[in-house]
Amino acid sequence: MATLGQASFPKGFKLIKGDNLSGEDDRYSNGKDVFQMHFYFRSYDGDYKGNDEKYKQHITESIGYPVYKTTDGLLWGTGKTGEYYSYLVVDWSGEVFELFSKDNDADFSYYSKWLISSIREYHKKGKMFMFPRRFRLIS
């Protein structure tokens, strides 16, 4: 079992707090590019068995552009949704990470490579890549 490893974002990315007190809907942005997590597995009505063909199809239908499987079992896809360019990676446990931006430029390319390579690096160290979470303290 992997331990959780909170991602260290590239320089310049700041937290944009969402409404959920756990930080589940938080985003991280540098003013141009944005990272966020998705919870597509929650709407998945099949038994999740890793990034199999059925789950790959579910993600493809959810985001509206093709998703591919890497040789090491990650799912990834890139496309345009509305005004935004999107790059998505699904890790080995079904966690979905997205980078989006209005610009499909060198920064978008760099950060998309950073995302997938960071997920792999954490995995290699026995850690599960995860965005930092906020927790509400109950007194």
N, C-alpha and C. Protein backbone atom coordinates (compact mmCIF):
# COMPACT_ATOMS: atom_id res chain seq x y z
N MET A 1 0.84 -1.18 0.00
CA MET A 1 0.00 0.00 0.00
C MET A 1 0.89 1.24 0.00
N ALA A 2 0.57 2.17 -0.84
CA ALA A 2 1.35 3.40 -0.96
C ALA A 2 0.93 4.39 0.13
N THR A 3 1.87 5.21 0.56
CA THR A 3 1.55 6.29 1.47
C THR A 3 1.18 7.51 0.63
N LEU A 4 0.44 8.44 1.24
CA LEU A 4 0.07 9.65 0.51
C LEU A 4 1.25 10.60 0.47
N GLY A 5 1.43 11.25 -0.66
CA GLY A 5 2.48 12.24 -0.81
C GLY A 5 1.88 13.50 -1.39
N GLN A 6 1.83 14.57 -0.61
CA GLN A 6 1.23 15.80 -1.12
C GLN A 6 2.15 16.45 -2.13
N ALA A 7 1.59 16.76 -3.28
CA ALA A 7 2.35 17.36 -4.38
C ALA A 7 2.94 18.70 -4.01
N SER A 8 4.13 18.94 -4.48
CA SER A 8 4.75 20.25 -4.40
C SER A 8 4.65 20.86 -5.80
N PHE A 9 3.82 21.87 -5.93
CA PHE A 9 3.57 22.46 -7.24
C PHE A 9 4.75 23.28 -7.73
N PRO A 10 4.87 23.42 -9.03
CA PRO A 10 5.92 24.28 -9.58
C PRO A 10 5.79 25.70 -9.02
N LYS A 11 6.89 26.41 -9.02
CA LYS A 11 6.95 27.77 -8.50
C LYS A 11 5.87 28.64 -9.17
N GLY A 12 5.22 29.45 -8.35
CA GLY A 12 4.23 30.40 -8.86
C GLY A 12 2.80 29.92 -8.75
N PHE A 13 2.57 28.64 -8.43
CA PHE A 13 1.20 28.13 -8.30
C PHE A 13 0.68 28.39 -6.89
N LYS A 14 -0.53 28.91 -6.81
CA LYS A 14 -1.16 29.24 -5.54
C LYS A 14 -2.49 28.53 -5.41
N LEU A 15 -2.87 28.28 -4.17
CA LEU A 15 -4.14 27.64 -3.85
C LEU A 15 -5.30 28.58 -4.13
N ILE A 16 -6.31 28.05 -4.80
CA ILE A 16 -7.61 28.74 -4.96
C ILE A 16 -8.60 27.84 -4.22
N LYS A 17 -9.02 28.28 -3.06
CA LYS A 17 -9.89 27.45 -2.22
C LYS A 17 -11.26 27.28 -2.85
N GLY A 18 -11.73 26.04 -2.81
CA GLY A 18 -13.08 25.73 -3.26
C GLY A 18 -14.05 25.82 -2.09
N ASP A 19 -15.29 25.44 -2.32
CA ASP A 19 -16.32 25.51 -1.28
C ASP A 19 -16.25 24.37 -0.28
N ASN A 20 -15.72 23.23 -0.69
CA ASN A 20 -15.67 22.07 0.19
C ASN A 20 -14.58 22.28 1.24
N LEU A 21 -14.91 22.16 2.50
CA LEU A 21 -13.96 22.43 3.58
C LEU A 21 -12.80 21.45 3.63
N SER A 22 -12.93 20.30 2.99
CA SER A 22 -11.83 19.33 2.97
C SER A 22 -10.78 19.70 1.94
N GLY A 23 -11.12 20.64 1.06
CA GLY A 23 -10.20 21.01 0.00
C GLY A 23 -10.39 20.17 -1.25
N GLU A 24 -11.41 19.36 -1.24
CA GLU A 24 -11.66 18.44 -2.35
C GLU A 24 -11.82 19.15 -3.69
N ASP A 25 -12.35 20.35 -3.69
CA ASP A 25 -12.57 21.08 -4.94
C ASP A 25 -11.61 22.26 -5.09
N ASP A 26 -10.51 22.22 -4.36
CA ASP A 26 -9.48 23.26 -4.50
C ASP A 26 -8.82 23.17 -5.87
N ARG A 27 -8.29 24.29 -6.30
CA ARG A 27 -7.51 24.35 -7.53
C ARG A 27 -6.20 25.04 -7.22
N TYR A 28 -5.24 24.85 -8.09
CA TYR A 28 -3.93 25.50 -7.96
C TYR A 28 -3.62 26.18 -9.28
N SER A 29 -3.32 27.48 -9.22
CA SER A 29 -3.13 28.24 -10.45
C SER A 29 -1.95 29.20 -10.34
N ASN A 30 -1.35 29.46 -11.48
CA ASN A 30 -0.32 30.49 -11.58
C ASN A 30 -0.89 31.73 -12.29
N GLY A 31 -2.20 31.80 -12.43
CA GLY A 31 -2.86 32.91 -13.11
C GLY A 31 -3.16 32.61 -14.57
N LYS A 32 -2.58 31.55 -15.08
CA LYS A 32 -2.78 31.18 -16.49
C LYS A 32 -3.11 29.70 -16.63
N ASP A 33 -2.40 28.86 -15.92
CA ASP A 33 -2.60 27.41 -15.96
C ASP A 33 -3.19 26.97 -14.62
N VAL A 34 -4.05 25.95 -14.66
CA VAL A 34 -4.76 25.52 -13.45
C VAL A 34 -4.70 24.00 -13.33
N PHE A 35 -4.38 23.53 -12.11
CA PHE A 35 -4.45 22.11 -11.79
C PHE A 35 -5.67 21.88 -10.91
N GLN A 36 -6.37 20.76 -11.15
CA GLN A 36 -7.48 20.38 -10.29
C GLN A 36 -7.63 18.87 -10.32
N MET A 37 -8.33 18.34 -9.33
CA MET A 37 -8.67 16.92 -9.30
C MET A 37 -10.13 16.76 -9.70
N HIS A 38 -10.45 15.57 -10.20
CA HIS A 38 -11.83 15.23 -10.54
C HIS A 38 -12.18 13.94 -9.82
N PHE A 39 -13.47 13.70 -9.69
CA PHE A 39 -13.92 12.51 -9.00
C PHE A 39 -14.87 11.70 -9.88
N TYR A 40 -14.40 11.42 -11.10
CA TYR A 40 -15.22 10.67 -12.05
C TYR A 40 -15.54 9.27 -11.56
N PHE A 41 -14.64 8.69 -10.74
CA PHE A 41 -14.89 7.35 -10.25
C PHE A 41 -16.14 7.30 -9.40
N ARG A 42 -16.54 8.40 -8.81
CA ARG A 42 -17.73 8.42 -7.97
C ARG A 42 -19.00 8.17 -8.79
N SER A 43 -18.97 8.55 -10.05
CA SER A 43 -20.14 8.31 -10.90
C SER A 43 -19.99 7.02 -11.70
N TYR A 44 -18.91 6.31 -11.50
CA TYR A 44 -18.65 5.07 -12.23
C TYR A 44 -19.51 3.96 -11.64
N ASP A 45 -20.34 3.35 -12.48
CA ASP A 45 -21.27 2.34 -11.95
C ASP A 45 -20.75 0.92 -12.06
N GLY A 46 -19.52 0.75 -12.51
CA GLY A 46 -18.93 -0.59 -12.57
C GLY A 46 -18.03 -0.83 -11.38
N ASP A 47 -17.55 -2.04 -11.25
CA ASP A 47 -16.54 -2.34 -10.24
C ASP A 47 -15.21 -1.84 -10.75
N TYR A 48 -14.60 -0.92 -10.03
CA TYR A 48 -13.31 -0.39 -10.48
C TYR A 48 -12.25 -1.47 -10.32
N LYS A 49 -11.63 -1.83 -11.43
CA LYS A 49 -10.59 -2.86 -11.45
C LYS A 49 -9.33 -2.28 -12.09
N GLY A 50 -8.93 -1.12 -11.62
CA GLY A 50 -7.79 -0.48 -12.24
C GLY A 50 -8.23 0.24 -13.50
N ASN A 51 -7.28 0.71 -14.23
CA ASN A 51 -7.57 1.47 -15.44
C ASN A 51 -7.84 0.53 -16.62
N ASP A 52 -8.86 -0.30 -16.45
CA ASP A 52 -9.22 -1.24 -17.51
C ASP A 52 -9.96 -0.54 -18.64
N GLU A 53 -10.31 -1.28 -19.66
CA GLU A 53 -10.96 -0.71 -20.84
C GLU A 53 -12.29 -0.05 -20.50
N LYS A 54 -13.05 -0.66 -19.60
CA LYS A 54 -14.36 -0.11 -19.23
C LYS A 54 -14.21 1.24 -18.51
N TYR A 55 -13.23 1.34 -17.60
CA TYR A 55 -13.01 2.61 -16.90
C TYR A 55 -12.45 3.66 -17.85
N LYS A 56 -11.58 3.24 -18.75
CA LYS A 56 -11.03 4.15 -19.77
C LYS A 56 -12.17 4.76 -20.59
N GLN A 57 -13.13 3.94 -20.97
CA GLN A 57 -14.29 4.43 -21.73
C GLN A 57 -15.13 5.38 -20.90
N HIS A 58 -15.30 5.09 -19.63
CA HIS A 58 -16.05 5.96 -18.72
C HIS A 58 -15.40 7.35 -18.64
N ILE A 59 -14.08 7.39 -18.50
CA ILE A 59 -13.37 8.67 -18.43
C ILE A 59 -13.50 9.42 -19.76
N THR A 60 -13.33 8.70 -20.88
CA THR A 60 -13.46 9.31 -22.20
C THR A 60 -14.83 9.97 -22.36
N GLU A 61 -15.88 9.27 -21.97
CA GLU A 61 -17.24 9.81 -22.08
C GLU A 61 -17.44 10.99 -21.12
N SER A 62 -16.81 10.94 -19.97
CA SER A 62 -16.96 12.02 -18.97
C SER A 62 -16.31 13.31 -19.42
N ILE A 63 -15.14 13.23 -20.07
CA ILE A 63 -14.41 14.44 -20.43
C ILE A 63 -14.64 14.89 -21.86
N GLY A 64 -15.06 13.98 -22.73
CA GLY A 64 -15.40 14.36 -24.09
C GLY A 64 -14.27 14.35 -25.09
N TYR A 65 -13.13 13.77 -24.74
CA TYR A 65 -12.04 13.58 -25.70
C TYR A 65 -11.36 12.24 -25.40
N PRO A 66 -10.64 11.68 -26.38
CA PRO A 66 -10.06 10.34 -26.22
C PRO A 66 -9.04 10.25 -25.09
N VAL A 67 -9.02 9.10 -24.46
CA VAL A 67 -8.07 8.78 -23.39
C VAL A 67 -7.29 7.55 -23.82
N TYR A 68 -6.02 7.54 -23.50
CA TYR A 68 -5.13 6.44 -23.89
C TYR A 68 -4.47 5.84 -22.66
N LYS A 69 -4.03 4.61 -22.79
CA LYS A 69 -3.37 3.93 -21.67
C LYS A 69 -1.88 3.81 -21.97
N THR A 70 -1.06 4.21 -21.00
CA THR A 70 0.39 4.10 -21.15
C THR A 70 0.81 2.65 -20.87
N THR A 71 2.03 2.32 -21.23
CA THR A 71 2.52 0.95 -20.98
C THR A 71 2.61 0.64 -19.50
N ASP A 72 2.75 1.67 -18.65
CA ASP A 72 2.81 1.41 -17.20
C ASP A 72 1.44 1.54 -16.53
N GLY A 73 0.36 1.68 -17.29
CA GLY A 73 -0.99 1.59 -16.75
C GLY A 73 -1.68 2.89 -16.38
N LEU A 74 -1.07 4.04 -16.66
CA LEU A 74 -1.75 5.32 -16.45
C LEU A 74 -2.67 5.59 -17.62
N LEU A 75 -3.73 6.32 -17.38
CA LEU A 75 -4.57 6.83 -18.46
C LEU A 75 -4.22 8.30 -18.65
N TRP A 76 -4.23 8.76 -19.89
CA TRP A 76 -3.98 10.17 -20.17
C TRP A 76 -4.77 10.57 -21.41
N GLY A 77 -5.07 11.84 -21.48
CA GLY A 77 -5.73 12.37 -22.66
C GLY A 77 -5.57 13.87 -22.70
N THR A 78 -5.70 14.41 -23.88
CA THR A 78 -5.64 15.86 -24.04
C THR A 78 -6.63 16.28 -25.12
N GLY A 79 -7.25 17.41 -24.90
CA GLY A 79 -8.24 17.90 -25.86
C GLY A 79 -8.70 19.28 -25.45
N LYS A 80 -9.67 19.76 -26.16
CA LYS A 80 -10.21 21.08 -25.86
C LYS A 80 -11.65 20.93 -25.41
N THR A 81 -11.97 21.55 -24.28
CA THR A 81 -13.34 21.54 -23.78
C THR A 81 -13.79 22.99 -23.65
N GLY A 82 -14.70 23.38 -24.51
CA GLY A 82 -15.12 24.78 -24.54
C GLY A 82 -13.95 25.66 -24.95
N GLU A 83 -13.63 26.64 -24.12
CA GLU A 83 -12.53 27.57 -24.41
C GLU A 83 -11.18 27.07 -23.90
N TYR A 84 -11.18 25.96 -23.18
CA TYR A 84 -9.97 25.54 -22.47
C TYR A 84 -9.33 24.29 -23.07
N TYR A 85 -8.00 24.30 -23.06
CA TYR A 85 -7.22 23.12 -23.38
C TYR A 85 -7.06 22.32 -22.10
N SER A 86 -7.16 21.03 -22.23
CA SER A 86 -7.15 20.17 -21.05
C SER A 86 -6.17 19.02 -21.25
N TYR A 87 -5.48 18.68 -20.19
CA TYR A 87 -4.60 17.52 -20.16
C TYR A 87 -4.95 16.76 -18.89
N LEU A 88 -5.29 15.49 -19.02
CA LEU A 88 -5.79 14.71 -17.92
C LEU A 88 -4.95 13.46 -17.72
N VAL A 89 -4.69 13.11 -16.46
CA VAL A 89 -3.98 11.87 -16.12
C VAL A 89 -4.79 11.16 -15.04
N VAL A 90 -4.97 9.85 -15.22
CA VAL A 90 -5.62 9.01 -14.21
C VAL A 90 -4.57 8.07 -13.68
N ASP A 91 -4.34 8.12 -12.35
CA ASP A 91 -3.31 7.26 -11.77
C ASP A 91 -3.81 5.83 -11.61
N TRP A 92 -3.01 4.98 -11.02
CA TRP A 92 -3.29 3.56 -10.91
C TRP A 92 -4.43 3.25 -9.96
N SER A 93 -4.81 4.19 -9.11
CA SER A 93 -5.93 3.95 -8.19
C SER A 93 -7.20 4.65 -8.65
N GLY A 94 -7.17 5.27 -9.83
CA GLY A 94 -8.35 5.92 -10.37
C GLY A 94 -8.48 7.40 -10.04
N GLU A 95 -7.49 7.97 -9.36
CA GLU A 95 -7.52 9.41 -9.07
C GLU A 95 -7.28 10.17 -10.38
N VAL A 96 -8.06 11.22 -10.61
CA VAL A 96 -8.03 11.96 -11.87
C VAL A 96 -7.48 13.37 -11.62
N PHE A 97 -6.41 13.70 -12.33
CA PHE A 97 -5.75 15.00 -12.22
C PHE A 97 -5.82 15.71 -13.57
N GLU A 98 -6.18 16.99 -13.54
CA GLU A 98 -6.30 17.73 -14.78
C GLU A 98 -5.51 19.03 -14.71
N LEU A 99 -4.92 19.38 -15.83
CA LEU A 99 -4.32 20.68 -16.06
C LEU A 99 -5.16 21.32 -17.16
N PHE A 100 -5.57 22.57 -16.96
CA PHE A 100 -6.26 23.25 -18.05
C PHE A 100 -5.80 24.70 -18.17
N SER A 101 -5.97 25.22 -19.37
CA SER A 101 -5.52 26.58 -19.67
C SER A 101 -6.21 27.07 -20.94
N LYS A 102 -6.34 28.37 -21.08
CA LYS A 102 -6.85 28.94 -22.32
C LYS A 102 -5.79 28.89 -23.42
N ASP A 103 -4.52 28.73 -23.02
CA ASP A 103 -3.41 28.75 -23.97
C ASP A 103 -2.78 27.37 -24.12
N ASN A 104 -2.65 26.91 -25.34
CA ASN A 104 -1.94 25.67 -25.63
C ASN A 104 -0.54 26.07 -26.06
N ASP A 105 0.30 26.40 -25.07
CA ASP A 105 1.62 26.95 -25.35
C ASP A 105 2.71 26.12 -24.67
N ALA A 106 3.92 26.64 -24.65
CA ALA A 106 5.06 25.93 -24.06
C ALA A 106 4.85 25.68 -22.57
N ASP A 107 4.24 26.62 -21.85
CA ASP A 107 3.97 26.41 -20.42
C ASP A 107 3.01 25.25 -20.22
N PHE A 108 1.94 25.21 -21.02
CA PHE A 108 0.96 24.12 -20.91
C PHE A 108 1.64 22.78 -21.17
N SER A 109 2.50 22.72 -22.16
CA SER A 109 3.24 21.51 -22.47
C SER A 109 4.16 21.12 -21.31
N TYR A 110 4.88 22.09 -20.77
CA TYR A 110 5.79 21.83 -19.66
C TYR A 110 5.04 21.29 -18.44
N TYR A 111 3.93 21.94 -18.07
CA TYR A 111 3.20 21.52 -16.89
C TYR A 111 2.48 20.18 -17.08
N SER A 112 2.08 19.87 -18.32
CA SER A 112 1.47 18.56 -18.55
C SER A 112 2.52 17.46 -18.37
N LYS A 113 3.74 17.70 -18.84
CA LYS A 113 4.82 16.73 -18.62
C LYS A 113 5.18 16.64 -17.15
N TRP A 114 5.17 17.78 -16.46
CA TRP A 114 5.44 17.78 -15.02
C TRP A 114 4.43 16.91 -14.29
N LEU A 115 3.16 17.03 -14.66
CA LEU A 115 2.10 16.29 -13.98
C LEU A 115 2.31 14.79 -14.09
N ILE A 116 2.45 14.27 -15.30
CA ILE A 116 2.58 12.82 -15.46
C ILE A 116 3.91 12.31 -14.89
N SER A 117 4.97 13.07 -15.04
CA SER A 117 6.25 12.61 -14.49
C SER A 117 6.25 12.66 -12.96
N SER A 118 5.56 13.62 -12.37
CA SER A 118 5.47 13.69 -10.90
C SER A 118 4.67 12.52 -10.36
N ILE A 119 3.58 12.17 -11.02
CA ILE A 119 2.78 11.02 -10.59
C ILE A 119 3.64 9.76 -10.62
N ARG A 120 4.41 9.59 -11.68
CA ARG A 120 5.30 8.42 -11.79
C ARG A 120 6.40 8.44 -10.72
N GLU A 121 6.97 9.61 -10.47
CA GLU A 121 8.05 9.74 -9.49
C GLU A 121 7.55 9.39 -8.08
N TYR A 122 6.39 9.89 -7.71
CA TYR A 122 5.82 9.55 -6.40
C TYR A 122 5.58 8.05 -6.32
N HIS A 123 5.04 7.48 -7.38
CA HIS A 123 4.76 6.05 -7.42
C HIS A 123 6.04 5.23 -7.25
N LYS A 124 7.09 5.66 -7.90
CA LYS A 124 8.38 4.97 -7.82
C LYS A 124 8.90 4.99 -6.38
N LYS A 125 8.59 6.04 -5.63
CA LYS A 125 9.02 6.16 -4.23
C LYS A 125 8.04 5.50 -3.26
N GLY A 126 7.01 4.82 -3.80
CA GLY A 126 6.03 4.15 -2.95
C GLY A 126 4.99 5.08 -2.37
N LYS A 127 4.84 6.26 -2.97
CA LYS A 127 3.87 7.24 -2.50
C LYS A 127 2.79 7.45 -3.55
N MET A 128 1.62 7.84 -3.07
CA MET A 128 0.51 8.16 -3.96
C MET A 128 0.47 9.67 -4.15
N PHE A 129 0.61 10.14 -5.37
CA PHE A 129 0.56 11.57 -5.69
C PHE A 129 -0.82 12.10 -5.33
N MET A 130 -0.86 13.20 -4.58
CA MET A 130 -2.14 13.78 -4.17
C MET A 130 -1.96 15.26 -3.99
N PHE A 131 -2.97 16.03 -4.36
CA PHE A 131 -2.94 17.46 -4.11
C PHE A 131 -3.11 17.68 -2.61
N PRO A 132 -2.51 18.73 -2.07
CA PRO A 132 -2.68 19.02 -0.64
C PRO A 132 -4.16 19.17 -0.29
N ARG A 133 -4.51 18.74 0.91
CA ARG A 133 -5.90 18.83 1.38
C ARG A 133 -5.99 19.73 2.60
N ARG A 134 -7.11 20.40 2.72
CA ARG A 134 -7.42 21.17 3.92
C ARG A 134 -8.37 20.32 4.74
N PHE A 135 -8.25 20.39 6.04
CA PHE A 135 -9.17 19.66 6.91
C PHE A 135 -9.73 20.61 7.95
N ARG A 136 -11.01 20.53 8.12
CA ARG A 136 -11.69 21.37 9.10
C ARG A 136 -11.53 20.74 10.47
N LEU A 137 -11.01 21.50 11.39
CA LEU A 137 -10.86 21.02 12.75
C LEU A 137 -12.16 21.22 13.50
N ILE A 138 -12.61 20.18 14.16
CA ILE A 138 -13.84 20.25 14.93
C ILE A 138 -13.44 20.39 16.40
N SER A 139 -13.96 21.42 17.04
CA SER A 139 -13.61 21.62 18.45
C SER A 139 -14.74 21.29 19.37
